[in-house]
Amino acid sequence: MSPGDLDKWSQAGVGLLQKGIQVKCPSCGYLLAGERFCPKCGSEIIYPGETKKDLIRSARLAKAYRSSAKLEKAGNDMSQSGCQLMGCVGFIVLIIVLFLLL
């Protein structure tokens, strides 16, 4: 589970599953595997030991993680474009210098 999945999966719910503790949806009885929302009825799930604040914090962290991943990609794209541009500029400067020397 990556930080970007915190709004879809519960760390507490996944931990309970890993310990062999089964948790069912309180609305429909569906056996959960750590999902934040019941796949059958769509109810929001709060696992034992969690609070509503935990859900809000998880959603904010997931959103921040996804935003940072987008910013990182944009930065990498700009860096590649800059390197390509500098390669062209360097070549043009070299041609001008050679032209001036001749």
N, C-alpha and C. Protein backbone atom coordinates (compact mmCIF):
# COMPACT_ATOMS: atom_id res chain seq x y z
N MET A 1 0.86 -1.17 0.00
CA MET A 1 0.00 0.00 0.00
C MET A 1 0.90 1.23 0.00
N SER A 2 0.73 2.08 -0.99
CA SER A 2 1.52 3.29 -1.08
C SER A 2 0.79 4.44 -0.37
N PRO A 3 1.53 5.52 -0.05
CA PRO A 3 0.87 6.66 0.60
C PRO A 3 -0.26 7.25 -0.23
N GLY A 4 -0.21 7.08 -1.54
CA GLY A 4 -1.28 7.59 -2.40
C GLY A 4 -2.57 6.80 -2.30
N ASP A 5 -2.54 5.64 -1.63
CA ASP A 5 -3.72 4.80 -1.48
C ASP A 5 -4.39 4.95 -0.11
N LEU A 6 -3.93 5.89 0.70
CA LEU A 6 -4.45 6.01 2.06
C LEU A 6 -5.93 6.37 2.11
N ASP A 7 -6.46 6.96 1.03
CA ASP A 7 -7.88 7.28 1.03
C ASP A 7 -8.72 6.11 0.51
N LYS A 8 -8.08 5.04 0.05
CA LYS A 8 -8.79 3.86 -0.44
C LYS A 8 -8.66 2.68 0.52
N TRP A 9 -7.55 2.64 1.24
CA TRP A 9 -7.26 1.51 2.14
C TRP A 9 -6.93 2.04 3.53
N SER A 10 -7.27 1.27 4.54
CA SER A 10 -7.00 1.63 5.92
C SER A 10 -5.80 0.84 6.42
N GLN A 11 -4.82 1.54 6.98
CA GLN A 11 -3.67 0.84 7.56
C GLN A 11 -4.13 -0.04 8.71
N ALA A 12 -5.06 0.45 9.50
CA ALA A 12 -5.59 -0.34 10.62
C ALA A 12 -6.33 -1.57 10.11
N GLY A 13 -7.12 -1.40 9.04
CA GLY A 13 -7.87 -2.51 8.47
C GLY A 13 -6.97 -3.57 7.88
N VAL A 14 -5.94 -3.15 7.17
CA VAL A 14 -4.97 -4.09 6.59
C VAL A 14 -4.22 -4.80 7.72
N GLY A 15 -3.87 -4.04 8.77
CA GLY A 15 -3.19 -4.64 9.91
C GLY A 15 -4.03 -5.71 10.59
N LEU A 16 -5.32 -5.44 10.75
CA LEU A 16 -6.21 -6.43 11.35
C LEU A 16 -6.28 -7.69 10.49
N LEU A 17 -6.36 -7.52 9.18
CA LEU A 17 -6.42 -8.65 8.27
C LEU A 17 -5.14 -9.48 8.37
N GLN A 18 -3.98 -8.80 8.45
CA GLN A 18 -2.71 -9.52 8.57
C GLN A 18 -2.61 -10.30 9.88
N LYS A 19 -3.31 -9.83 10.90
CA LYS A 19 -3.32 -10.54 12.18
C LYS A 19 -4.36 -11.66 12.19
N GLY A 20 -5.10 -11.80 11.11
CA GLY A 20 -6.11 -12.84 11.02
C GLY A 20 -7.46 -12.45 11.59
N ILE A 21 -7.65 -11.17 11.88
CA ILE A 21 -8.92 -10.68 12.43
C ILE A 21 -9.81 -10.26 11.27
N GLN A 22 -10.98 -10.88 11.19
CA GLN A 22 -11.92 -10.55 10.12
C GLN A 22 -12.83 -9.41 10.57
N VAL A 23 -12.99 -8.46 9.66
CA VAL A 23 -13.88 -7.33 9.92
C VAL A 23 -14.93 -7.31 8.82
N LYS A 24 -16.18 -7.17 9.23
CA LYS A 24 -17.28 -7.12 8.26
C LYS A 24 -17.88 -5.72 8.23
N CYS A 25 -18.42 -5.38 7.09
CA CYS A 25 -19.11 -4.10 6.93
C CYS A 25 -20.30 -4.07 7.89
N PRO A 26 -20.41 -3.01 8.69
CA PRO A 26 -21.53 -2.94 9.62
C PRO A 26 -22.89 -2.77 8.93
N SER A 27 -22.89 -2.33 7.68
CA SER A 27 -24.15 -2.12 6.96
C SER A 27 -24.66 -3.38 6.26
N CYS A 28 -23.74 -4.09 5.57
CA CYS A 28 -24.20 -5.22 4.75
C CYS A 28 -23.57 -6.56 5.13
N GLY A 29 -22.54 -6.54 5.99
CA GLY A 29 -21.90 -7.78 6.42
C GLY A 29 -20.83 -8.31 5.49
N TYR A 30 -20.45 -7.54 4.48
CA TYR A 30 -19.41 -7.95 3.53
C TYR A 30 -18.07 -8.08 4.27
N LEU A 31 -17.33 -9.15 3.98
CA LEU A 31 -16.03 -9.38 4.60
C LEU A 31 -15.00 -8.45 3.97
N LEU A 32 -14.42 -7.59 4.78
CA LEU A 32 -13.51 -6.54 4.29
C LEU A 32 -12.05 -7.00 4.35
N ALA A 33 -11.24 -6.38 3.50
CA ALA A 33 -9.80 -6.68 3.46
C ALA A 33 -8.98 -5.42 3.72
N GLY A 34 -9.58 -4.43 4.39
CA GLY A 34 -8.87 -3.19 4.68
C GLY A 34 -9.36 -2.01 3.85
N GLU A 35 -10.39 -2.22 3.05
CA GLU A 35 -10.91 -1.13 2.22
C GLU A 35 -11.46 0.00 3.08
N ARG A 36 -11.32 1.21 2.57
CA ARG A 36 -11.85 2.39 3.26
C ARG A 36 -13.37 2.48 3.07
N PHE A 37 -13.85 1.99 1.92
CA PHE A 37 -15.28 1.96 1.61
C PHE A 37 -15.66 0.53 1.24
N CYS A 38 -16.82 0.09 1.68
CA CYS A 38 -17.29 -1.26 1.40
C CYS A 38 -17.49 -1.43 -0.11
N PRO A 39 -16.87 -2.45 -0.72
CA PRO A 39 -17.03 -2.66 -2.16
C PRO A 39 -18.45 -3.07 -2.55
N LYS A 40 -19.21 -3.60 -1.60
CA LYS A 40 -20.56 -4.08 -1.90
C LYS A 40 -21.61 -2.97 -1.79
N CYS A 41 -21.60 -2.25 -0.65
CA CYS A 41 -22.66 -1.24 -0.44
C CYS A 41 -22.15 0.20 -0.46
N GLY A 42 -20.83 0.39 -0.44
CA GLY A 42 -20.27 1.73 -0.52
C GLY A 42 -20.18 2.49 0.80
N SER A 43 -20.51 1.83 1.91
CA SER A 43 -20.44 2.50 3.22
C SER A 43 -19.00 2.83 3.59
N GLU A 44 -18.82 3.99 4.21
CA GLU A 44 -17.49 4.35 4.72
C GLU A 44 -17.19 3.48 5.94
N ILE A 45 -16.00 2.91 5.99
CA ILE A 45 -15.63 1.99 7.05
C ILE A 45 -14.66 2.67 8.00
N ILE A 46 -14.97 2.62 9.28
CA ILE A 46 -14.06 3.07 10.32
C ILE A 46 -13.70 1.82 11.13
N TYR A 47 -12.45 1.43 11.06
CA TYR A 47 -11.98 0.21 11.72
C TYR A 47 -11.76 0.45 13.20
N PRO A 48 -11.77 -0.62 14.00
CA PRO A 48 -11.49 -0.47 15.44
C PRO A 48 -10.14 0.23 15.65
N GLY A 49 -10.15 1.24 16.49
CA GLY A 49 -8.93 2.01 16.76
C GLY A 49 -8.79 3.25 15.91
N GLU A 50 -9.68 3.44 14.93
CA GLU A 50 -9.64 4.62 14.08
C GLU A 50 -10.71 5.62 14.51
N THR A 51 -10.49 6.87 14.14
CA THR A 51 -11.48 7.91 14.37
C THR A 51 -11.77 8.63 13.05
N LYS A 52 -12.76 9.47 13.05
CA LYS A 52 -13.08 10.27 11.86
C LYS A 52 -11.89 11.15 11.48
N LYS A 53 -11.15 11.64 12.50
CA LYS A 53 -9.95 12.45 12.22
C LYS A 53 -8.91 11.65 11.44
N ASP A 54 -8.78 10.35 11.76
CA ASP A 54 -7.84 9.50 11.03
C ASP A 54 -8.21 9.41 9.56
N LEU A 55 -9.51 9.32 9.27
CA LEU A 55 -9.97 9.25 7.89
C LEU A 55 -9.63 10.54 7.14
N ILE A 56 -9.86 11.66 7.79
CA ILE A 56 -9.57 12.96 7.17
C ILE A 56 -8.08 13.11 6.94
N ARG A 57 -7.27 12.73 7.92
CA ARG A 57 -5.82 12.81 7.80
C ARG A 57 -5.33 11.91 6.66
N SER A 58 -5.86 10.71 6.57
CA SER A 58 -5.46 9.78 5.51
C SER A 58 -5.80 10.34 4.13
N ALA A 59 -6.98 10.93 4.01
CA ALA A 59 -7.38 11.51 2.73
C ALA A 59 -6.46 12.67 2.35
N ARG A 60 -6.11 13.50 3.32
CA ARG A 60 -5.21 14.63 3.04
C ARG A 60 -3.82 14.15 2.66
N LEU A 61 -3.31 13.14 3.36
CA LEU A 61 -1.98 12.60 3.03
C LEU A 61 -1.97 11.99 1.63
N ALA A 62 -3.03 11.26 1.29
CA ALA A 62 -3.10 10.65 -0.04
C ALA A 62 -3.12 11.73 -1.12
N LYS A 63 -3.89 12.79 -0.88
CA LYS A 63 -3.97 13.88 -1.86
C LYS A 63 -2.62 14.59 -1.99
N ALA A 64 -1.96 14.83 -0.87
CA ALA A 64 -0.65 15.49 -0.90
C ALA A 64 0.38 14.62 -1.62
N TYR A 65 0.33 13.30 -1.38
CA TYR A 65 1.27 12.40 -2.04
C TYR A 65 1.06 12.41 -3.55
N ARG A 66 -0.20 12.34 -3.97
CA ARG A 66 -0.47 12.35 -5.41
C ARG A 66 -0.05 13.69 -6.03
N SER A 67 -0.27 14.79 -5.31
CA SER A 67 0.14 16.11 -5.82
C SER A 67 1.65 16.19 -5.95
N SER A 68 2.37 15.67 -4.96
CA SER A 68 3.83 15.72 -5.02
C SER A 68 4.36 14.86 -6.16
N ALA A 69 3.70 13.74 -6.44
CA ALA A 69 4.12 12.89 -7.55
C ALA A 69 3.92 13.63 -8.88
N LYS A 70 2.81 14.38 -9.00
CA LYS A 70 2.57 15.16 -10.22
C LYS A 70 3.62 16.27 -10.37
N LEU A 71 3.95 16.93 -9.25
CA LEU A 71 4.96 17.99 -9.30
C LEU A 71 6.32 17.43 -9.67
N GLU A 72 6.65 16.25 -9.13
CA GLU A 72 7.93 15.63 -9.45
C GLU A 72 8.01 15.31 -10.94
N LYS A 73 6.92 14.78 -11.50
CA LYS A 73 6.90 14.46 -12.93
C LYS A 73 7.05 15.73 -13.76
N ALA A 74 6.34 16.79 -13.37
CA ALA A 74 6.45 18.06 -14.10
C ALA A 74 7.87 18.60 -14.03
N GLY A 75 8.49 18.51 -12.86
CA GLY A 75 9.87 18.98 -12.70
C GLY A 75 10.83 18.18 -13.56
N ASN A 76 10.65 16.87 -13.60
CA ASN A 76 11.52 16.03 -14.43
C ASN A 76 11.34 16.35 -15.91
N ASP A 77 10.08 16.57 -16.32
CA ASP A 77 9.83 16.93 -17.72
C ASP A 77 10.49 18.26 -18.07
N MET A 78 10.39 19.24 -17.16
CA MET A 78 11.00 20.54 -17.41
C MET A 78 12.52 20.42 -17.45
N SER A 79 13.08 19.58 -16.59
CA SER A 79 14.52 19.39 -16.57
C SER A 79 15.01 18.79 -17.88
N GLN A 80 14.27 17.80 -18.39
CA GLN A 80 14.65 17.20 -19.67
C GLN A 80 14.55 18.21 -20.80
N SER A 81 13.50 19.02 -20.78
CA SER A 81 13.33 20.04 -21.82
C SER A 81 14.47 21.05 -21.75
N GLY A 82 14.84 21.43 -20.53
CA GLY A 82 15.93 22.38 -20.34
C GLY A 82 17.24 21.84 -20.85
N CYS A 83 17.51 20.57 -20.60
CA CYS A 83 18.75 19.96 -21.08
C CYS A 83 18.77 19.91 -22.60
N GLN A 84 17.62 19.59 -23.20
CA GLN A 84 17.55 19.56 -24.66
C GLN A 84 17.77 20.96 -25.22
N LEU A 85 17.17 21.96 -24.58
CA LEU A 85 17.31 23.34 -25.03
C LEU A 85 18.76 23.79 -24.89
N MET A 86 19.38 23.47 -23.77
CA MET A 86 20.77 23.87 -23.56
C MET A 86 21.69 23.19 -24.57
N GLY A 87 21.34 21.98 -24.96
CA GLY A 87 22.13 21.30 -25.99
C GLY A 87 22.07 22.06 -27.30
N CYS A 88 20.91 22.56 -27.67
CA CYS A 88 20.75 23.35 -28.90
C CYS A 88 21.48 24.68 -28.78
N VAL A 89 21.33 25.34 -27.66
CA VAL A 89 21.98 26.64 -27.45
C VAL A 89 23.49 26.49 -27.51
N GLY A 90 24.00 25.44 -26.87
CA GLY A 90 25.45 25.21 -26.90
C GLY A 90 25.95 25.01 -28.31
N PHE A 91 25.22 24.28 -29.12
CA PHE A 91 25.61 24.04 -30.51
C PHE A 91 25.60 25.35 -31.30
N ILE A 92 24.59 26.19 -31.09
CA ILE A 92 24.50 27.47 -31.80
C ILE A 92 25.64 28.39 -31.39
N VAL A 93 25.96 28.43 -30.10
CA VAL A 93 27.08 29.25 -29.63
C VAL A 93 28.37 28.77 -30.26
N LEU A 94 28.56 27.47 -30.35
CA LEU A 94 29.76 26.92 -30.97
C LEU A 94 29.86 27.35 -32.43
N ILE A 95 28.77 27.33 -33.16
CA ILE A 95 28.77 27.74 -34.56
C ILE A 95 29.12 29.22 -34.68
N ILE A 96 28.56 30.06 -33.80
CA ILE A 96 28.85 31.51 -33.83
C ILE A 96 30.31 31.75 -33.53
N VAL A 97 30.86 31.07 -32.53
CA VAL A 97 32.28 31.25 -32.19
C VAL A 97 33.17 30.83 -33.36
N LEU A 98 32.85 29.70 -33.97
CA LEU A 98 33.63 29.26 -35.13
C LEU A 98 33.51 30.24 -36.28
N PHE A 99 32.32 30.79 -36.48
CA PHE A 99 32.12 31.77 -37.54
C PHE A 99 32.97 33.04 -37.29
N LEU A 100 33.02 33.44 -36.02
CA LEU A 100 33.77 34.66 -35.68
C LEU A 100 35.29 34.43 -35.82
N LEU A 101 35.73 33.22 -35.58
CA LEU A 101 37.16 32.90 -35.68
C LEU A 101 37.61 32.80 -37.12
N LEU A 102 36.70 32.50 -38.01
CA LEU A 102 37.09 32.36 -39.42
C LEU A 102 37.06 33.65 -40.12
